[in-house]
Amino acid sequence: MCGRYSLICTDDLGNRFRIYRSTLGCRSRFNVAPSQTMPVVVQHEHTEMVMMEWGLVPHWAKDPKRSHRPINARAETLAEKPMFRGLLKHNRCLIPASGFYEWRQDGSRKQPYYLHLKDVPLFAFAGLYEIWHDAGGAAFPTYTIITTEANELVNPIHNRMPVILKPEDEVRWLTLEPPASDEIQALLTPYSAEAMDAHPISSRVNSPSEDDEQLILPLS
């Protein structure tokens, strides 16, 4: 599962993801939570960056407020689930991120950890997106983060982790032509544990209202 992540804007998002005529600014967010609106990279005629809300609303939903809104989608069953099957073919996206949070059970309490890539301040989760329209035709774009089994670093903390794409795989994930099933399996794999780091952090991160750079610092 991935229920919180960070996006630290040390680089220009438009340049990093080769956005065509990017007009979105970047404000660092240290504690992104479901239902919040964040930048998502999609491919149409050009590569574009669109603000979307985290928590997928299927296009057939009658009311987004009452709809089941998954924040994660399991890589192993994407092709089997009606909610994700069509999106896998046509609505793949990149979710810019700098790190993510997981909680390890420690006796009667849960200890939060911050996980990130070594020496890589900005990367992308693999995701799927959907555009829901209300009765008046107004668009409501939402997204979900794809998860896979945990690697050796993450597994002692949690048994799932978000799919972090290698930079060379980002273009293929966005390409309009759907990846073949064997390509999907190769793309949606756990990121190398050797290229990642993890450390315990303050429990302040438990509250979505907390959002500052102190959240990602190791406990002293």
C-alpha atoms as a PDB file:
ATOM      1  CA  MET A   1       0.000   0.000   0.000  1.00  0.00           C
ATOM      2  CA  CYS A   2       1.024   3.592  -0.530  1.00  0.00           C
ATOM      3  CA  GLY A   3      -1.072   6.003   1.496  1.00  0.00           C
ATOM      4  CA  ARG A   4       1.234   9.028   1.769  1.00  0.00           C
ATOM      5  CA  TYR A   5       4.081  10.451  -0.285  1.00  0.00           C
ATOM      6  CA  SER A   6       6.163  13.581  -0.772  1.00  0.00           C
ATOM      7  CA  LEU A   7       6.959  15.784  -3.744  1.00  0.00           C
ATOM      8  CA  ILE A   8       9.925  18.054  -3.118  1.00  0.00           C
ATOM      9  CA  CYS A   9      10.343  20.473  -5.984  1.00  0.00           C
ATOM     10  CA  THR A  10      14.114  20.829  -6.203  1.00  0.00           C
ATOM     11  CA  ASP A  11      13.924  20.572 -10.010  1.00  0.00           C
ATOM     12  CA  ASP A  12      11.536  22.010 -12.532  1.00  0.00           C
ATOM     13  CA  LEU A  13       8.825  19.422 -13.115  1.00  0.00           C
ATOM     14  CA  GLY A  14       8.277  20.517 -16.692  1.00  0.00           C
ATOM     15  CA  ASN A  15      11.883  19.898 -17.680  1.00  0.00           C
ATOM     16  CA  ARG A  16      12.211  16.672 -15.688  1.00  0.00           C
ATOM     17  CA  PHE A  17       9.222  15.053 -17.377  1.00  0.00           C
ATOM     18  CA  ARG A  18       9.610  16.744 -20.793  1.00  0.00           C
ATOM     19  CA  ILE A  19       6.288  18.542 -20.526  1.00  0.00           C
ATOM     20  CA  TYR A  20       5.011  20.351 -23.596  1.00  0.00           C
ATOM     21  CA  ARG A  21       4.281  23.982 -22.709  1.00  0.00           C
ATOM     22  CA  SER A  22       4.190  23.364 -18.978  1.00  0.00           C
ATOM     23  CA  THR A  23       2.257  26.056 -17.117  1.00  0.00           C
ATOM     24  CA  LEU A  24       2.017  24.398 -13.705  1.00  0.00           C
ATOM     25  CA  GLY A  25       4.234  25.648 -10.933  1.00  0.00           C
ATOM     26  CA  CYS A  26       5.619  23.324  -8.299  1.00  0.00           C
ATOM     27  CA  ARG A  27       5.085  23.714  -4.558  1.00  0.00           C
ATOM     28  CA  SER A  28       6.822  21.184  -2.355  1.00  0.00           C
ATOM     29  CA  ARG A  29       4.454  18.904  -0.454  1.00  0.00           C
ATOM     30  CA  PHE A  30       5.895  16.760   2.324  1.00  0.00           C
ATOM     31  CA  ASN A  31       2.781  14.819   3.314  1.00  0.00           C
ATOM     32  CA  VAL A  32       0.532  14.162   0.323  1.00  0.00           C
ATOM     33  CA  ALA A  33      -2.618  12.312   1.403  1.00  0.00           C
ATOM     34  CA  PRO A  34      -5.624  10.831  -0.438  1.00  0.00           C
ATOM     35  CA  SER A  35      -8.212  13.354  -1.699  1.00  0.00           C
ATOM     36  CA  GLN A  36      -5.518  15.990  -2.224  1.00  0.00           C
ATOM     37  CA  THR A  37      -4.839  17.431  -5.682  1.00  0.00           C
ATOM     38  CA  MET A  38      -1.375  16.856  -7.176  1.00  0.00           C
ATOM     39  CA  PRO A  39       0.388  17.090 -10.574  1.00  0.00           C
ATOM     40  CA  VAL A  40       0.112  14.007 -12.799  1.00  0.00           C
ATOM     41  CA  VAL A  41       1.893  13.441 -16.142  1.00  0.00           C
ATOM     42  CA  VAL A  42      -0.210  12.089 -19.023  1.00  0.00           C
ATOM     43  CA  GLN A  43       0.300  11.502 -22.730  1.00  0.00           C
ATOM     44  CA  HIS A  44      -2.110  12.840 -25.347  1.00  0.00           C
ATOM     45  CA  GLU A  45      -0.860  14.507 -28.503  1.00  0.00           C
ATOM     46  CA  HIS A  46       1.939  15.808 -26.304  1.00  0.00           C
ATOM     47  CA  THR A  47       3.172  14.979 -22.821  1.00  0.00           C
ATOM     48  CA  GLU A  48       1.120  17.101 -20.446  1.00  0.00           C
ATOM     49  CA  MET A  49       0.928  17.793 -16.722  1.00  0.00           C
ATOM     50  CA  VAL A  50      -2.555  17.895 -15.209  1.00  0.00           C
ATOM     51  CA  MET A  51      -3.720  18.515 -11.657  1.00  0.00           C
ATOM     52  CA  MET A  52      -5.727  15.530 -10.396  1.00  0.00           C
ATOM     53  CA  GLU A  53      -7.213  14.347  -7.124  1.00  0.00           C
ATOM     54  CA  TRP A  54      -5.735  11.236  -5.502  1.00  0.00           C
ATOM     55  CA  GLY A  55      -8.392   8.521  -5.260  1.00  0.00           C
ATOM     56  CA  LEU A  56      -9.766   7.077  -8.500  1.00  0.00           C
ATOM     57  CA  VAL A  57     -13.400   7.732  -9.455  1.00  0.00           C
ATOM     58  CA  PRO A  58     -14.587   5.351 -12.234  1.00  0.00           C
ATOM     59  CA  HIS A  59     -16.340   7.025 -15.143  1.00  0.00           C
ATOM     60  CA  TRP A  60     -19.528   5.063 -14.456  1.00  0.00           C
ATOM     61  CA  ALA A  61     -19.874   6.322 -10.855  1.00  0.00           C
ATOM     62  CA  LYS A  62     -23.080   8.236 -10.175  1.00  0.00           C
ATOM     63  CA  ASP A  63     -21.680  10.238  -7.279  1.00  0.00           C
ATOM     64  CA  PRO A  64     -17.929  10.652  -6.541  1.00  0.00           C
ATOM     65  CA  LYS A  65     -18.706  11.326  -2.881  1.00  0.00           C
ATOM     66  CA  ARG A  66     -20.314   7.882  -2.507  1.00  0.00           C
ATOM     67  CA  SER A  67     -18.076   5.958  -4.892  1.00  0.00           C
ATOM     68  CA  HIS A  68     -15.353   3.559  -3.772  1.00  0.00           C
ATOM     69  CA  ARG A  69     -12.180   5.485  -4.594  1.00  0.00           C
ATOM     70  CA  PRO A  70      -9.063   3.278  -4.605  1.00  0.00           C
ATOM     71  CA  ILE A  71      -5.822   5.110  -3.910  1.00  0.00           C
ATOM     72  CA  ASN A  72      -3.817   2.032  -4.973  1.00  0.00           C
ATOM     73  CA  ALA A  73      -4.102  -0.625  -7.666  1.00  0.00           C
ATOM     74  CA  ARG A  74      -2.274  -3.956  -7.408  1.00  0.00           C
ATOM     75  CA  ALA A  75       0.055  -4.567 -10.356  1.00  0.00           C
ATOM     76  CA  GLU A  76      -0.641  -8.303 -10.301  1.00  0.00           C
ATOM     77  CA  THR A  77      -4.387  -7.951 -10.975  1.00  0.00           C
ATOM     78  CA  LEU A  78      -4.710  -4.815 -13.118  1.00  0.00           C
ATOM     79  CA  ALA A  79      -5.757  -6.741 -16.211  1.00  0.00           C
ATOM     80  CA  GLU A  80      -8.438  -8.623 -14.262  1.00  0.00           C
ATOM     81  CA  LYS A  81     -10.233  -5.760 -12.523  1.00  0.00           C
ATOM     82  CA  PRO A  82     -13.004  -3.998 -14.522  1.00  0.00           C
ATOM     83  CA  MET A  83     -12.109  -0.680 -12.853  1.00  0.00           C
ATOM     84  CA  PHE A  84      -8.503  -0.837 -14.073  1.00  0.00           C
ATOM     85  CA  ARG A  85      -8.521  -3.038 -17.191  1.00  0.00           C
ATOM     86  CA  GLY A  86      -9.486  -0.299 -19.657  1.00  0.00           C
ATOM     87  CA  LEU A  87      -7.319   2.303 -17.939  1.00  0.00           C
ATOM     88  CA  LEU A  88      -4.296   0.032 -18.310  1.00  0.00           C
ATOM     89  CA  LYS A  89      -4.759   0.228 -22.075  1.00  0.00           C
ATOM     90  CA  HIS A  90      -5.503   3.916 -22.466  1.00  0.00           C
ATOM     91  CA  ASN A  91      -5.044   5.909 -19.224  1.00  0.00           C
ATOM     92  CA  ARG A  92      -1.560   5.283 -17.864  1.00  0.00           C
ATOM     93  CA  CYS A  93       0.201   8.141 -16.080  1.00  0.00           C
ATOM     94  CA  LEU A  94       3.244   9.172 -14.075  1.00  0.00           C
ATOM     95  CA  ILE A  95       2.932  10.548 -10.554  1.00  0.00           C
ATOM     96  CA  PRO A  96       5.939  12.757  -9.696  1.00  0.00           C
ATOM     97  CA  ALA A  97       7.306  12.036  -6.216  1.00  0.00           C
ATOM     98  CA  SER A  98      10.375  12.349  -4.015  1.00  0.00           C
ATOM     99  CA  GLY A  99       9.621   9.661  -1.442  1.00  0.00           C
ATOM    100  CA  PHE A 100       6.839   7.793   0.320  1.00  0.00           C
ATOM    101  CA  TYR A 101       5.807   6.715   3.813  1.00  0.00           C
ATOM    102  CA  GLU A 102       5.031   3.347   5.323  1.00  0.00           C
ATOM    103  CA  TRP A 103       4.281   2.253   8.883  1.00  0.00           C
ATOM    104  CA  ARG A 104       5.895  -0.712  10.653  1.00  0.00           C
ATOM    105  CA  GLN A 105       4.064  -2.437  13.471  1.00  0.00           C
ATOM    106  CA  ASP A 106       6.200  -2.003  16.598  1.00  0.00           C
ATOM    107  CA  GLY A 107       4.444  -3.654  19.511  1.00  0.00           C
ATOM    108  CA  SER A 108       1.225  -1.772  20.171  1.00  0.00           C
ATOM    109  CA  ARG A 109       2.201   1.196  18.003  1.00  0.00           C
ATOM    110  CA  LYS A 110       3.110   1.835  14.403  1.00  0.00           C
ATOM    111  CA  GLN A 111       6.413   3.507  13.578  1.00  0.00           C
ATOM    112  CA  PRO A 112       6.389   5.629  10.398  1.00  0.00           C
ATOM    113  CA  TYR A 113       9.289   5.417   7.951  1.00  0.00           C
ATOM    114  CA  TYR A 114      10.327   7.641   5.083  1.00  0.00           C
ATOM    115  CA  LEU A 115      11.531   5.760   1.993  1.00  0.00           C
ATOM    116  CA  HIS A 116      13.280   7.355  -0.971  1.00  0.00           C
ATOM    117  CA  LEU A 117      15.850   6.803  -3.706  1.00  0.00           C
ATOM    118  CA  LYS A 118      19.510   7.470  -3.016  1.00  0.00           C
ATOM    119  CA  ASP A 119      20.753  10.660  -4.687  1.00  0.00           C
ATOM    120  CA  VAL A 120      17.580  10.949  -6.816  1.00  0.00           C
ATOM    121  CA  PRO A 121      15.394  13.862  -5.621  1.00  0.00           C
ATOM    122  CA  LEU A 122      12.606  13.358  -8.139  1.00  0.00           C
ATOM    123  CA  PHE A 123      11.146  10.192  -9.674  1.00  0.00           C
ATOM    124  CA  ALA A 124       7.776   8.823 -10.823  1.00  0.00           C
ATOM    125  CA  PHE A 125       5.295   6.262  -9.561  1.00  0.00           C
ATOM    126  CA  ALA A 126       3.403   4.293 -12.192  1.00  0.00           C
ATOM    127  CA  GLY A 127      -0.259   5.215 -12.085  1.00  0.00           C
ATOM    128  CA  LEU A 128      -3.638   5.098 -13.785  1.00  0.00           C
ATOM    129  CA  TYR A 129      -6.071   7.961 -14.187  1.00  0.00           C
ATOM    130  CA  GLU A 130      -9.727   8.483 -14.984  1.00  0.00           C
ATOM    131  CA  ILE A 131     -11.843  11.477 -16.011  1.00  0.00           C
ATOM    132  CA  TRP A 132     -15.317  11.517 -14.460  1.00  0.00           C
ATOM    133  CA  HIS A 133     -17.900  13.985 -15.810  1.00  0.00           C
ATOM    134  CA  ASP A 134     -20.864  15.412 -13.972  1.00  0.00           C
ATOM    135  CA  ALA A 135     -24.301  15.972 -15.503  1.00  0.00           C
ATOM    136  CA  GLY A 136     -23.185  19.330 -16.859  1.00  0.00           C
ATOM    137  CA  GLY A 137     -20.112  17.879 -18.526  1.00  0.00           C
ATOM    138  CA  ALA A 138     -17.564  19.276 -16.069  1.00  0.00           C
ATOM    139  CA  ALA A 139     -14.478  17.067 -15.813  1.00  0.00           C
ATOM    140  CA  PHE A 140     -13.173  15.632 -12.531  1.00  0.00           C
ATOM    141  CA  PRO A 141      -9.750  13.944 -13.081  1.00  0.00           C
ATOM    142  CA  THR A 142      -8.518  11.448 -10.486  1.00  0.00           C
ATOM    143  CA  TYR A 143      -5.647   8.967 -10.173  1.00  0.00           C
ATOM    144  CA  THR A 144      -4.428   5.877  -8.369  1.00  0.00           C
ATOM    145  CA  ILE A 145      -0.888   4.625  -7.642  1.00  0.00           C
ATOM    146  CA  ILE A 146       0.095   1.121  -8.761  1.00  0.00           C
ATOM    147  CA  THR A 147       1.709  -1.066  -6.098  1.00  0.00           C
ATOM    148  CA  THR A 148       3.749  -4.246  -6.224  1.00  0.00           C
ATOM    149  CA  GLU A 149       5.352  -6.641  -3.755  1.00  0.00           C
ATOM    150  CA  ALA A 150       7.934  -5.070  -1.474  1.00  0.00           C
ATOM    151  CA  ASN A 151      11.666  -5.350  -2.098  1.00  0.00           C
ATOM    152  CA  GLU A 152      14.159  -6.434   0.580  1.00  0.00           C
ATOM    153  CA  LEU A 153      14.426  -2.937   2.060  1.00  0.00           C
ATOM    154  CA  VAL A 154      10.698  -2.236   2.289  1.00  0.00           C
ATOM    155  CA  ASN A 155       9.487  -5.709   3.284  1.00  0.00           C
ATOM    156  CA  PRO A 156      10.444  -5.468   6.995  1.00  0.00           C
ATOM    157  CA  ILE A 157       8.285  -2.329   7.138  1.00  0.00           C
ATOM    158  CA  HIS A 158       5.409  -3.253   4.801  1.00  0.00           C
ATOM    159  CA  ASN A 159       4.726  -6.061   2.333  1.00  0.00           C
ATOM    160  CA  ARG A 160       3.708  -3.720  -0.520  1.00  0.00           C
ATOM    161  CA  MET A 161       5.367  -0.719  -2.166  1.00  0.00           C
ATOM    162  CA  PRO A 162       4.509   1.715  -4.972  1.00  0.00           C
ATOM    163  CA  VAL A 163       5.889   0.927  -8.421  1.00  0.00           C
ATOM    164  CA  ILE A 164       8.767   3.340  -9.022  1.00  0.00           C
ATOM    165  CA  LEU A 165       9.613   3.477 -12.706  1.00  0.00           C
ATOM    166  CA  LYS A 166      13.153   3.684 -13.991  1.00  0.00           C
ATOM    167  CA  PRO A 167      13.655   6.876 -16.043  1.00  0.00           C
ATOM    168  CA  GLU A 168      14.139   4.825 -19.213  1.00  0.00           C
ATOM    169  CA  ASP A 169      10.774   3.106 -18.596  1.00  0.00           C
ATOM    170  CA  GLU A 170       8.748   6.274 -18.049  1.00  0.00           C
ATOM    171  CA  VAL A 171       8.360   7.027 -21.774  1.00  0.00           C
ATOM    172  CA  ARG A 172       7.252   3.465 -22.511  1.00  0.00           C
ATOM    173  CA  TRP A 173       4.668   3.585 -19.722  1.00  0.00           C
ATOM    174  CA  LEU A 174       3.216   6.794 -21.174  1.00  0.00           C
ATOM    175  CA  THR A 175       3.296   5.748 -24.843  1.00  0.00           C
ATOM    176  CA  LEU A 176      -0.160   5.703 -26.412  1.00  0.00           C
ATOM    177  CA  GLU A 177       0.304   2.138 -27.632  1.00  0.00           C
ATOM    178  CA  PRO A 178      -0.573  -0.211 -24.746  1.00  0.00           C
ATOM    179  CA  PRO A 179       2.311  -2.367 -23.452  1.00  0.00           C
ATOM    180  CA  ALA A 180       2.026  -6.087 -24.041  1.00  0.00           C
ATOM    181  CA  SER A 181       1.341  -8.275 -21.007  1.00  0.00           C
ATOM    182  CA  ASP A 182       4.985  -9.350 -20.740  1.00  0.00           C
ATOM    183  CA  GLU A 183       6.071  -5.689 -20.915  1.00  0.00           C
ATOM    184  CA  ILE A 184       3.670  -4.789 -18.119  1.00  0.00           C
ATOM    185  CA  GLN A 185       5.132  -7.501 -15.916  1.00  0.00           C
ATOM    186  CA  ALA A 186       8.638  -6.214 -16.626  1.00  0.00           C
ATOM    187  CA  LEU A 187       7.727  -2.573 -15.977  1.00  0.00           C
ATOM    188  CA  LEU A 188       5.714  -3.037 -12.776  1.00  0.00           C
ATOM    189  CA  THR A 189       8.374  -4.701 -10.632  1.00  0.00           C
ATOM    190  CA  PRO A 190       9.862  -3.717  -7.251  1.00  0.00           C
ATOM    191  CA  TYR A 191      12.566  -1.073  -7.482  1.00  0.00           C
ATOM    192  CA  SER A 192      16.102  -2.137  -6.541  1.00  0.00           C
ATOM    193  CA  ALA A 193      16.531  -2.191  -2.756  1.00  0.00           C
ATOM    194  CA  GLU A 194      20.202  -1.247  -3.148  1.00  0.00           C
ATOM    195  CA  ALA A 195      19.177   2.041  -4.784  1.00  0.00           C
ATOM    196  CA  MET A 196      16.847   3.012  -1.914  1.00  0.00           C
ATOM    197  CA  ASP A 197      17.095   4.174   1.678  1.00  0.00           C
ATOM    198  CA  ALA A 198      14.681   4.193   4.625  1.00  0.00           C
ATOM    199  CA  HIS A 199      14.677   5.739   8.094  1.00  0.00           C
ATOM    200  CA  PRO A 200      12.207   6.166  10.962  1.00  0.00           C
ATOM    201  CA  ILE A 201      10.574   9.573  11.286  1.00  0.00           C
ATOM    202  CA  SER A 202       8.328  11.531  13.627  1.00  0.00           C
ATOM    203  CA  SER A 203       4.751  10.359  14.158  1.00  0.00           C
ATOM    204  CA  ARG A 204       3.652  13.897  13.212  1.00  0.00           C
ATOM    205  CA  VAL A 205       3.309  12.515   9.692  1.00  0.00           C
ATOM    206  CA  ASN A 206       0.233  10.603  10.894  1.00  0.00           C
ATOM    207  CA  SER A 207      -1.775  13.811  10.587  1.00  0.00           C
ATOM    208  CA  PRO A 208      -2.426  14.958   6.983  1.00  0.00           C
ATOM    209  CA  SER A 209      -2.519  18.544   8.242  1.00  0.00           C
ATOM    210  CA  GLU A 210       1.205  18.371   9.031  1.00  0.00           C
ATOM    211  CA  ASP A 211       3.245  19.396   5.977  1.00  0.00           C
ATOM    212  CA  ASP A 212       6.808  20.645   6.419  1.00  0.00           C
ATOM    213  CA  GLU A 213      10.343  19.527   5.623  1.00  0.00           C
ATOM    214  CA  GLN A 214      10.964  18.335   9.195  1.00  0.00           C
ATOM    215  CA  LEU A 215       8.666  15.347   8.538  1.00  0.00           C
ATOM    216  CA  ILE A 216      11.211  13.520   6.366  1.00  0.00           C
ATOM    217  CA  LEU A 217      14.141  13.933   8.766  1.00  0.00           C
ATOM    218  CA  PRO A 218      15.411  10.833  10.657  1.00  0.00           C
ATOM    219  CA  LEU A 219      14.547  10.550  14.330  1.00  0.00           C
ATOM    220  CA  SER A 220      17.424  11.842  16.447  1.00  0.00           C
END
